[in-house]
Amino acid sequence: MRLQNKVALVTGASSGIGRATCLLFAQEGARVVLVDVNDAGGQEALAALKQQGGEGMYIHADMAQAADCEAMVRAVEERYGRLDILFNNAGISHAADDDAVNTAEEVWDLTFNINVKGVFLCCKYGIPALRRAGGGSIINTASFVALVGAATPQLAYTASKGAVLSMTRELATIHARENIRVNALCPGPLRTELLMKYLDTPEKKNRRLVHIPMGRFGEAEEIARAALYLASDESSFVTGTSFMVDGGITAAYVTPE
């Protein structure tokens, strides 16, 4: 098993990428701590994990609250004695997110509090735990839109994911000699509830699909497998990367500098 004897903490664990990753990590031998604000979804994901024979626990925590992030990490160490993998996956894409003119300040602040401040706070309290374990892997969920921009306006979300990329690169550089690897996982458009609630007509779906060279949406399980690689010792010389899992979008649209 690729994560045998590892302890992994996954935020945004109740659905989508987070849920799929928790199930896969458990299948690969990790003890998994599921974190979310959606208690019903989090408990359901934990039940699915245990039904397949995995070991884990659920914690309610708001990523924008320092006290919650600190308590979350403390609970992991109290239960399992260590933390080896920190997957900062929780994030939002607000329905009212638009361009600079039409995005409300409250939407901007909420998006950054969860998508950026949340990653910072998880690292603030998670990195000391990784040090105590002798090192480990941090995976931050960014997005392909941080590199190419969104086809429809979602300025706060796009800017927040750009911030995640920058934070990832600096953290990777700072902590490389401590055996702590930090990578940004950059999914393309996925067939998840988060995106499909916006692409709610065939026309909207086709407008997005025309930009994807592979001609289809990705699946949460495909992103989970990329997270597994970054979490495992197989990626032991990989840090500071923007790990693209996007069906070829950035290959088609990003010009190398």
C-alpha atoms as a PDB file:
ATOM      1  CA  MET A   1       0.000   0.000   0.000  1.00  0.00           C
ATOM      2  CA  ARG A   2       1.332   3.402  -0.995  1.00  0.00           C
ATOM      3  CA  LEU A   3       0.334   5.248   2.222  1.00  0.00           C
ATOM      4  CA  GLN A   4       0.813   2.484   4.774  1.00  0.00           C
ATOM      5  CA  ASN A   5       1.288   3.856   8.330  1.00  0.00           C
ATOM      6  CA  LYS A   6       0.662   7.449   7.152  1.00  0.00           C
ATOM      7  CA  VAL A   7      -1.814   9.862   8.737  1.00  0.00           C
ATOM      8  CA  ALA A   8      -3.557  12.189   6.295  1.00  0.00           C
ATOM      9  CA  LEU A   9      -5.727  15.222   6.976  1.00  0.00           C
ATOM     10  CA  VAL A  10      -8.081  16.260   4.164  1.00  0.00           C
ATOM     11  CA  THR A  11     -10.127  19.468   4.269  1.00  0.00           C
ATOM     12  CA  GLY A  12     -13.248  19.882   2.185  1.00  0.00           C
ATOM     13  CA  ALA A  13     -13.780  16.163   2.710  1.00  0.00           C
ATOM     14  CA  SER A  14     -17.566  15.929   2.414  1.00  0.00           C
ATOM     15  CA  SER A  15     -17.821  15.856  -1.382  1.00  0.00           C
ATOM     16  CA  GLY A  16     -16.050  16.055  -4.730  1.00  0.00           C
ATOM     17  CA  ILE A  17     -12.254  15.872  -4.748  1.00  0.00           C
ATOM     18  CA  GLY A  18     -12.032  15.709  -0.966  1.00  0.00           C
ATOM     19  CA  ARG A  19     -14.382  12.773  -0.547  1.00  0.00           C
ATOM     20  CA  ALA A  20     -12.829  10.810  -3.408  1.00  0.00           C
ATOM     21  CA  THR A  21      -9.342  11.438  -2.012  1.00  0.00           C
ATOM     22  CA  CYS A  22     -10.281  10.322   1.496  1.00  0.00           C
ATOM     23  CA  LEU A  23     -11.616   7.025   0.177  1.00  0.00           C
ATOM     24  CA  LEU A  24      -8.550   6.443  -2.003  1.00  0.00           C
ATOM     25  CA  PHE A  25      -6.064   7.378   0.740  1.00  0.00           C
ATOM     26  CA  ALA A  26      -7.774   4.927   3.085  1.00  0.00           C
ATOM     27  CA  GLN A  27      -7.624   2.177   0.458  1.00  0.00           C
ATOM     28  CA  GLU A  28      -3.879   2.810   0.246  1.00  0.00           C
ATOM     29  CA  GLY A  29      -3.393   2.319   3.982  1.00  0.00           C
ATOM     30  CA  ALA A  30      -3.614   5.823   5.437  1.00  0.00           C
ATOM     31  CA  ARG A  31      -5.534   6.745   8.540  1.00  0.00           C
ATOM     32  CA  VAL A  32      -7.613   9.646   7.285  1.00  0.00           C
ATOM     33  CA  VAL A  33      -8.949  12.672   9.127  1.00  0.00           C
ATOM     34  CA  LEU A  34     -11.889  14.193   7.275  1.00  0.00           C
ATOM     35  CA  VAL A  35     -12.529  17.914   7.865  1.00  0.00           C
ATOM     36  CA  ASP A  36     -15.468  20.012   6.718  1.00  0.00           C
ATOM     37  CA  VAL A  37     -18.227  22.383   7.839  1.00  0.00           C
ATOM     38  CA  ASN A  38     -20.831  20.129   6.219  1.00  0.00           C
ATOM     39  CA  ASP A  39     -21.256  17.680   9.072  1.00  0.00           C
ATOM     40  CA  ALA A  40     -23.842  15.501   7.360  1.00  0.00           C
ATOM     41  CA  GLY A  41     -21.685  15.107   4.253  1.00  0.00           C
ATOM     42  CA  GLY A  42     -18.539  14.605   6.303  1.00  0.00           C
ATOM     43  CA  GLN A  43     -20.099  11.887   8.417  1.00  0.00           C
ATOM     44  CA  GLU A  44     -21.468  10.175   5.305  1.00  0.00           C
ATOM     45  CA  ALA A  45     -18.000  10.213   3.731  1.00  0.00           C
ATOM     46  CA  LEU A  46     -16.524   8.790   6.935  1.00  0.00           C
ATOM     47  CA  ALA A  47     -19.136   6.030   6.960  1.00  0.00           C
ATOM     48  CA  ALA A  48     -18.253   5.155   3.348  1.00  0.00           C
ATOM     49  CA  LEU A  49     -14.574   5.085   4.270  1.00  0.00           C
ATOM     50  CA  LYS A  50     -15.183   2.743   7.196  1.00  0.00           C
ATOM     51  CA  GLN A  51     -17.496   0.552   5.136  1.00  0.00           C
ATOM     52  CA  GLN A  52     -14.589  -0.186   2.788  1.00  0.00           C
ATOM     53  CA  GLY A  53     -12.429  -1.140   5.776  1.00  0.00           C
ATOM     54  CA  GLY A  54     -10.620   2.155   6.330  1.00  0.00           C
ATOM     55  CA  GLU A  55      -9.687   3.929   9.554  1.00  0.00           C
ATOM     56  CA  GLY A  56     -10.533   7.563  10.099  1.00  0.00           C
ATOM     57  CA  MET A  57     -12.281  10.304  12.034  1.00  0.00           C
ATOM     58  CA  TYR A  58     -14.350  13.387  11.214  1.00  0.00           C
ATOM     59  CA  ILE A  59     -13.694  16.903  12.556  1.00  0.00           C
ATOM     60  CA  HIS A  60     -15.879  19.977  12.086  1.00  0.00           C
ATOM     61  CA  ALA A  61     -13.665  22.977  11.334  1.00  0.00           C
ATOM     62  CA  ASP A  62     -14.027  26.316   9.549  1.00  0.00           C
ATOM     63  CA  MET A  63     -10.841  26.942   7.566  1.00  0.00           C
ATOM     64  CA  ALA A  64     -11.190  30.716   7.993  1.00  0.00           C
ATOM     65  CA  GLN A  65     -10.951  30.422  11.795  1.00  0.00           C
ATOM     66  CA  ALA A  66      -7.506  30.093  13.366  1.00  0.00           C
ATOM     67  CA  ALA A  67      -8.871  28.425  16.503  1.00  0.00           C
ATOM     68  CA  ASP A  68     -10.590  25.738  14.417  1.00  0.00           C
ATOM     69  CA  CYS A  69      -7.430  25.009  12.406  1.00  0.00           C
ATOM     70  CA  GLU A  70      -5.284  24.823  15.528  1.00  0.00           C
ATOM     71  CA  ALA A  71      -7.763  22.526  17.278  1.00  0.00           C
ATOM     72  CA  MET A  72      -8.047  20.350  14.177  1.00  0.00           C
ATOM     73  CA  VAL A  73      -4.321  19.628  14.057  1.00  0.00           C
ATOM     74  CA  ARG A  74      -4.186  19.082  17.811  1.00  0.00           C
ATOM     75  CA  ALA A  75      -7.017  16.528  17.574  1.00  0.00           C
ATOM     76  CA  VAL A  76      -5.169  14.625  14.831  1.00  0.00           C
ATOM     77  CA  GLU A  77      -2.011  14.303  16.918  1.00  0.00           C
ATOM     78  CA  GLU A  78      -3.984  13.362  20.019  1.00  0.00           C
ATOM     79  CA  ARG A  79      -5.804  10.585  18.131  1.00  0.00           C
ATOM     80  CA  TYR A  80      -3.035   9.244  15.889  1.00  0.00           C
ATOM     81  CA  GLY A  81       0.198  10.663  17.321  1.00  0.00           C
ATOM     82  CA  ARG A  82       1.421  12.240  14.086  1.00  0.00           C
ATOM     83  CA  LEU A  83       0.520  14.011  10.844  1.00  0.00           C
ATOM     84  CA  ASP A  84       2.207  13.032   7.557  1.00  0.00           C
ATOM     85  CA  ILE A  85      -0.038  14.414   4.805  1.00  0.00           C
ATOM     86  CA  LEU A  86      -1.898  17.730   4.785  1.00  0.00           C
ATOM     87  CA  PHE A  87      -4.309  18.139   1.860  1.00  0.00           C
ATOM     88  CA  ASN A  88      -5.618  21.715   1.906  1.00  0.00           C
ATOM     89  CA  ASN A  89      -8.530  21.088  -0.417  1.00  0.00           C
ATOM     90  CA  ALA A  90     -11.393  23.116   1.068  1.00  0.00           C
ATOM     91  CA  GLY A  91     -12.533  25.994  -1.095  1.00  0.00           C
ATOM     92  CA  ILE A  92     -15.545  27.838  -2.440  1.00  0.00           C
ATOM     93  CA  SER A  93     -16.681  29.296  -5.724  1.00  0.00           C
ATOM     94  CA  HIS A  94     -19.376  31.842  -4.884  1.00  0.00           C
ATOM     95  CA  ALA A  95     -22.433  32.078  -7.119  1.00  0.00           C
ATOM     96  CA  ALA A  96     -22.178  35.899  -7.055  1.00  0.00           C
ATOM     97  CA  ASP A  97     -18.495  35.964  -8.038  1.00  0.00           C
ATOM     98  CA  ASP A  98     -18.185  38.017 -11.230  1.00  0.00           C
ATOM     99  CA  ASP A  99     -15.874  40.640 -12.730  1.00  0.00           C
ATOM    100  CA  ALA A 100     -14.256  43.517 -10.812  1.00  0.00           C
ATOM    101  CA  VAL A 101     -17.225  45.814 -11.357  1.00  0.00           C
ATOM    102  CA  ASN A 102     -19.932  43.386 -10.305  1.00  0.00           C
ATOM    103  CA  THR A 103     -18.302  41.317  -7.543  1.00  0.00           C
ATOM    104  CA  ALA A 104     -19.333  42.528  -4.099  1.00  0.00           C
ATOM    105  CA  GLU A 105     -16.612  43.162  -1.550  1.00  0.00           C
ATOM    106  CA  GLU A 106     -18.259  40.655   0.768  1.00  0.00           C
ATOM    107  CA  VAL A 107     -17.965  37.935  -1.888  1.00  0.00           C
ATOM    108  CA  TRP A 108     -14.289  38.793  -2.416  1.00  0.00           C
ATOM    109  CA  ASP A 109     -13.546  38.688   1.311  1.00  0.00           C
ATOM    110  CA  LEU A 110     -15.389  35.407   1.892  1.00  0.00           C
ATOM    111  CA  THR A 111     -13.626  33.745  -1.037  1.00  0.00           C
ATOM    112  CA  PHE A 112     -10.196  34.847   0.142  1.00  0.00           C
ATOM    113  CA  ASN A 113     -10.916  33.960   3.768  1.00  0.00           C
ATOM    114  CA  ILE A 114     -11.599  30.345   2.826  1.00  0.00           C
ATOM    115  CA  ASN A 115      -9.469  29.767  -0.268  1.00  0.00           C
ATOM    116  CA  VAL A 116      -6.338  31.683   0.772  1.00  0.00           C
ATOM    117  CA  LYS A 117      -6.427  32.420   4.498  1.00  0.00           C
ATOM    118  CA  GLY A 118      -7.646  28.870   5.056  1.00  0.00           C
ATOM    119  CA  VAL A 119      -4.591  27.396   3.332  1.00  0.00           C
ATOM    120  CA  PHE A 120      -2.338  29.747   5.314  1.00  0.00           C
ATOM    121  CA  LEU A 121      -3.923  28.765   8.642  1.00  0.00           C
ATOM    122  CA  CYS A 122      -3.774  25.053   7.874  1.00  0.00           C
ATOM    123  CA  CYS A 123      -0.076  25.417   7.083  1.00  0.00           C
ATOM    124  CA  LYS A 124       0.521  27.635  10.116  1.00  0.00           C
ATOM    125  CA  TYR A 125      -0.648  24.882  12.446  1.00  0.00           C
ATOM    126  CA  GLY A 126       0.006  21.867  10.241  1.00  0.00           C
ATOM    127  CA  ILE A 127       3.685  22.472   9.449  1.00  0.00           C
ATOM    128  CA  PRO A 128       4.815  22.137  13.095  1.00  0.00           C
ATOM    129  CA  ALA A 129       3.010  18.787  13.213  1.00  0.00           C
ATOM    130  CA  LEU A 130       4.748  17.650  10.025  1.00  0.00           C
ATOM    131  CA  ARG A 131       8.065  18.685  11.585  1.00  0.00           C
ATOM    132  CA  ARG A 132       7.301  16.585  14.646  1.00  0.00           C
ATOM    133  CA  ALA A 133       6.638  13.625  12.333  1.00  0.00           C
ATOM    134  CA  GLY A 134       9.993  14.105  10.585  1.00  0.00           C
ATOM    135  CA  GLY A 135       8.546  15.644   7.417  1.00  0.00           C
ATOM    136  CA  GLY A 136       5.675  15.024   5.064  1.00  0.00           C
ATOM    137  CA  SER A 137       3.648  16.266   2.133  1.00  0.00           C
ATOM    138  CA  ILE A 138       1.406  19.317   1.804  1.00  0.00           C
ATOM    139  CA  ILE A 139      -0.962  19.454  -1.155  1.00  0.00           C
ATOM    140  CA  ASN A 140      -2.848  22.686  -1.851  1.00  0.00           C
ATOM    141  CA  THR A 141      -5.787  22.637  -4.251  1.00  0.00           C
ATOM    142  CA  ALA A 142      -5.371  25.463  -6.757  1.00  0.00           C
ATOM    143  CA  SER A 143      -6.900  25.470 -10.256  1.00  0.00           C
ATOM    144  CA  PHE A 144      -6.064  25.735 -13.933  1.00  0.00           C
ATOM    145  CA  VAL A 145      -7.768  29.167 -13.909  1.00  0.00           C
ATOM    146  CA  ALA A 146      -4.847  30.556 -11.926  1.00  0.00           C
ATOM    147  CA  LEU A 147      -2.794  30.161 -15.117  1.00  0.00           C
ATOM    148  CA  VAL A 148      -5.257  30.883 -17.903  1.00  0.00           C
ATOM    149  CA  GLY A 149      -8.107  32.884 -16.405  1.00  0.00           C
ATOM    150  CA  ALA A 150     -11.716  31.767 -16.422  1.00  0.00           C
ATOM    151  CA  ALA A 151     -13.883  31.638 -19.534  1.00  0.00           C
ATOM    152  CA  THR A 152     -16.667  33.308 -17.547  1.00  0.00           C
ATOM    153  CA  PRO A 153     -15.958  35.971 -14.901  1.00  0.00           C
ATOM    154  CA  GLN A 154     -15.132  34.622 -11.424  1.00  0.00           C
ATOM    155  CA  LEU A 155     -12.479  37.101 -10.386  1.00  0.00           C
ATOM    156  CA  ALA A 156     -12.312  36.366  -6.667  1.00  0.00           C
ATOM    157  CA  TYR A 157     -11.984  32.623  -7.236  1.00  0.00           C
ATOM    158  CA  THR A 158      -9.356  33.004  -9.973  1.00  0.00           C
ATOM    159  CA  ALA A 159      -7.308  35.487  -7.940  1.00  0.00           C
ATOM    160  CA  SER A 160      -7.546  33.314  -4.837  1.00  0.00           C
ATOM    161  CA  LYS A 161      -6.186  30.300  -6.688  1.00  0.00           C
ATOM    162  CA  GLY A 162      -3.326  32.419  -8.047  1.00  0.00           C
ATOM    163  CA  ALA A 163      -2.499  33.275  -4.447  1.00  0.00           C
ATOM    164  CA  VAL A 164      -2.490  29.567  -3.579  1.00  0.00           C
ATOM    165  CA  LEU A 165       0.082  28.940  -6.332  1.00  0.00           C
ATOM    166  CA  SER A 166       2.357  31.706  -5.046  1.00  0.00           C
ATOM    167  CA  MET A 167       2.025  30.542  -1.456  1.00  0.00           C
ATOM    168  CA  THR A 168       2.804  26.976  -2.492  1.00  0.00           C
ATOM    169  CA  ARG A 169       6.020  27.963  -4.246  1.00  0.00           C
ATOM    170  CA  GLU A 170       7.297  29.957  -1.284  1.00  0.00           C
ATOM    171  CA  LEU A 171       6.387  27.297   1.270  1.00  0.00           C
ATOM    172  CA  ALA A 172       8.112  24.664  -0.864  1.00  0.00           C
ATOM    173  CA  THR A 173      11.279  26.731  -0.991  1.00  0.00           C
ATOM    174  CA  ILE A 174      11.300  27.541   2.718  1.00  0.00           C
ATOM    175  CA  HIS A 175      10.675  24.014   3.971  1.00  0.00           C
ATOM    176  CA  ALA A 176      12.515  21.896   1.389  1.00  0.00           C
ATOM    177  CA  ARG A 177      15.428  21.143   3.751  1.00  0.00           C
ATOM    178  CA  GLU A 178      12.986  19.971   6.443  1.00  0.00           C
ATOM    179  CA  ASN A 179      11.750  17.033   4.370  1.00  0.00           C
ATOM    180  CA  ILE A 180       8.438  18.863   3.880  1.00  0.00           C
ATOM    181  CA  ARG A 181       7.241  18.929   0.280  1.00  0.00           C
ATOM    182  CA  VAL A 182       4.591  21.420  -0.843  1.00  0.00           C
ATOM    183  CA  ASN A 183       2.783  21.157  -4.180  1.00  0.00           C
ATOM    184  CA  ALA A 184      -0.251  22.770  -5.773  1.00  0.00           C
ATOM    185  CA  LEU A 185      -2.740  20.444  -7.411  1.00  0.00           C
ATOM    186  CA  CYS A 186      -4.401  22.236 -10.340  1.00  0.00           C
ATOM    187  CA  PRO A 187      -7.569  20.520 -11.583  1.00  0.00           C
ATOM    188  CA  GLY A 188      -9.273  21.371 -14.821  1.00  0.00           C
ATOM    189  CA  PRO A 189     -13.088  21.505 -15.108  1.00  0.00           C
ATOM    190  CA  LEU A 190     -14.603  18.546 -13.269  1.00  0.00           C
ATOM    191  CA  ARG A 191     -17.958  16.819 -13.368  1.00  0.00           C
ATOM    192  CA  THR A 192     -18.624  17.716  -9.748  1.00  0.00           C
ATOM    193  CA  GLU A 193     -21.528  19.435  -8.031  1.00  0.00           C
ATOM    194  CA  LEU A 194     -19.436  22.586  -7.533  1.00  0.00           C
ATOM    195  CA  LEU A 195     -19.121  23.183 -11.285  1.00  0.00           C
ATOM    196  CA  MET A 196     -22.233  21.495 -12.633  1.00  0.00           C
ATOM    197  CA  LYS A 197     -24.518  23.801 -10.629  1.00  0.00           C
ATOM    198  CA  TYR A 198     -23.223  26.617 -12.863  1.00  0.00           C
ATOM    199  CA  LEU A 199     -23.096  24.657 -16.102  1.00  0.00           C
ATOM    200  CA  ASP A 200     -26.755  23.730 -15.842  1.00  0.00           C
ATOM    201  CA  THR A 201     -27.645  23.698 -19.551  1.00  0.00           C
ATOM    202  CA  PRO A 202     -26.171  21.825 -22.534  1.00  0.00           C
ATOM    203  CA  GLU A 203     -25.121  25.166 -24.024  1.00  0.00           C
ATOM    204  CA  LYS A 204     -23.129  26.152 -20.950  1.00  0.00           C
ATOM    205  CA  LYS A 205     -21.480  22.730 -20.776  1.00  0.00           C
ATOM    206  CA  ASN A 206     -20.521  22.835 -24.452  1.00  0.00           C
ATOM    207  CA  ARG A 207     -19.041  26.320 -24.088  1.00  0.00           C
ATOM    208  CA  ARG A 208     -16.655  24.951 -21.466  1.00  0.00           C
ATOM    209  CA  LEU A 209     -15.986  21.644 -23.196  1.00  0.00           C
ATOM    210  CA  VAL A 210     -14.819  23.303 -26.412  1.00  0.00           C
ATOM    211  CA  HIS A 211     -11.742  24.552 -24.519  1.00  0.00           C
ATOM    212  CA  ILE A 212     -10.746  21.106 -23.199  1.00  0.00           C
ATOM    213  CA  PRO A 213      -8.558  19.201 -25.684  1.00  0.00           C
ATOM    214  CA  MET A 214      -9.688  15.853 -24.273  1.00  0.00           C
ATOM    215  CA  GLY A 215     -13.300  16.869 -24.909  1.00  0.00           C
ATOM    216  CA  ARG A 216     -14.724  15.857 -21.534  1.00  0.00           C
ATOM    217  CA  PHE A 217     -14.913  16.928 -17.916  1.00  0.00           C
ATOM    218  CA  GLY A 218     -12.562  15.348 -15.404  1.00  0.00           C
ATOM    219  CA  GLU A 219     -13.729  13.160 -12.546  1.00  0.00           C
ATOM    220  CA  ALA A 220     -13.034  13.714  -8.862  1.00  0.00           C
ATOM    221  CA  GLU A 221     -11.434  10.257  -8.723  1.00  0.00           C
ATOM    222  CA  GLU A 222      -8.873  11.308 -11.350  1.00  0.00           C
ATOM    223  CA  ILE A 223      -7.791  14.243  -9.197  1.00  0.00           C
ATOM    224  CA  ALA A 224      -7.658  11.955  -6.164  1.00  0.00           C
ATOM    225  CA  ARG A 225      -5.170   9.716  -7.960  1.00  0.00           C
ATOM    226  CA  ALA A 226      -2.954  12.740  -8.643  1.00  0.00           C
ATOM    227  CA  ALA A 227      -3.193  13.698  -4.970  1.00  0.00           C
ATOM    228  CA  LEU A 228      -2.177  10.142  -4.057  1.00  0.00           C
ATOM    229  CA  TYR A 229       1.006  10.485  -6.091  1.00  0.00           C
ATOM    230  CA  LEU A 230       1.869  13.808  -4.433  1.00  0.00           C
ATOM    231  CA  ALA A 231       1.103  12.381  -0.991  1.00  0.00           C
ATOM    232  CA  SER A 232       3.164   9.232  -1.462  1.00  0.00           C
ATOM    233  CA  ASP A 233       6.912   8.697  -1.304  1.00  0.00           C
ATOM    234  CA  GLU A 234       6.833   8.141  -5.067  1.00  0.00           C
ATOM    235  CA  SER A 235       6.975  11.941  -5.435  1.00  0.00           C
ATOM    236  CA  SER A 236       9.887  12.327  -3.012  1.00  0.00           C
ATOM    237  CA  PHE A 237      11.804  14.706  -5.344  1.00  0.00           C
ATOM    238  CA  VAL A 238       8.731  16.732  -6.306  1.00  0.00           C
ATOM    239  CA  THR A 239       8.108  20.050  -4.555  1.00  0.00           C
ATOM    240  CA  GLY A 240       6.991  23.539  -5.506  1.00  0.00           C
ATOM    241  CA  THR A 241       5.104  22.352  -8.583  1.00  0.00           C
ATOM    242  CA  SER A 242       1.824  23.428 -10.143  1.00  0.00           C
ATOM    243  CA  PHE A 243       0.656  19.887 -10.859  1.00  0.00           C
ATOM    244  CA  MET A 244      -1.749  20.166 -13.790  1.00  0.00           C
ATOM    245  CA  VAL A 245      -4.579  17.637 -14.158  1.00  0.00           C
ATOM    246  CA  ASP A 246      -6.645  19.538 -16.676  1.00  0.00           C
ATOM    247  CA  GLY A 247      -7.324  17.481 -19.794  1.00  0.00           C
ATOM    248  CA  GLY A 248      -4.762  19.506 -21.735  1.00  0.00           C
ATOM    249  CA  ILE A 249      -6.191  23.009 -21.276  1.00  0.00           C
ATOM    250  CA  THR A 250      -3.009  24.728 -20.199  1.00  0.00           C
ATOM    251  CA  ALA A 251      -1.008  22.934 -22.894  1.00  0.00           C
ATOM    252  CA  ALA A 252      -3.355  24.484 -25.445  1.00  0.00           C
ATOM    253  CA  TYR A 253      -3.624  27.984 -24.012  1.00  0.00           C
ATOM    254  CA  VAL A 254      -0.552  28.831 -21.925  1.00  0.00           C
ATOM    255  CA  THR A 255       2.492  30.248 -23.730  1.00  0.00           C
ATOM    256  CA  PRO A 256       5.789  29.324 -22.032  1.00  0.00           C
ATOM    257  CA  GLU A 257       7.628  32.327 -20.643  1.00  0.00           C
END
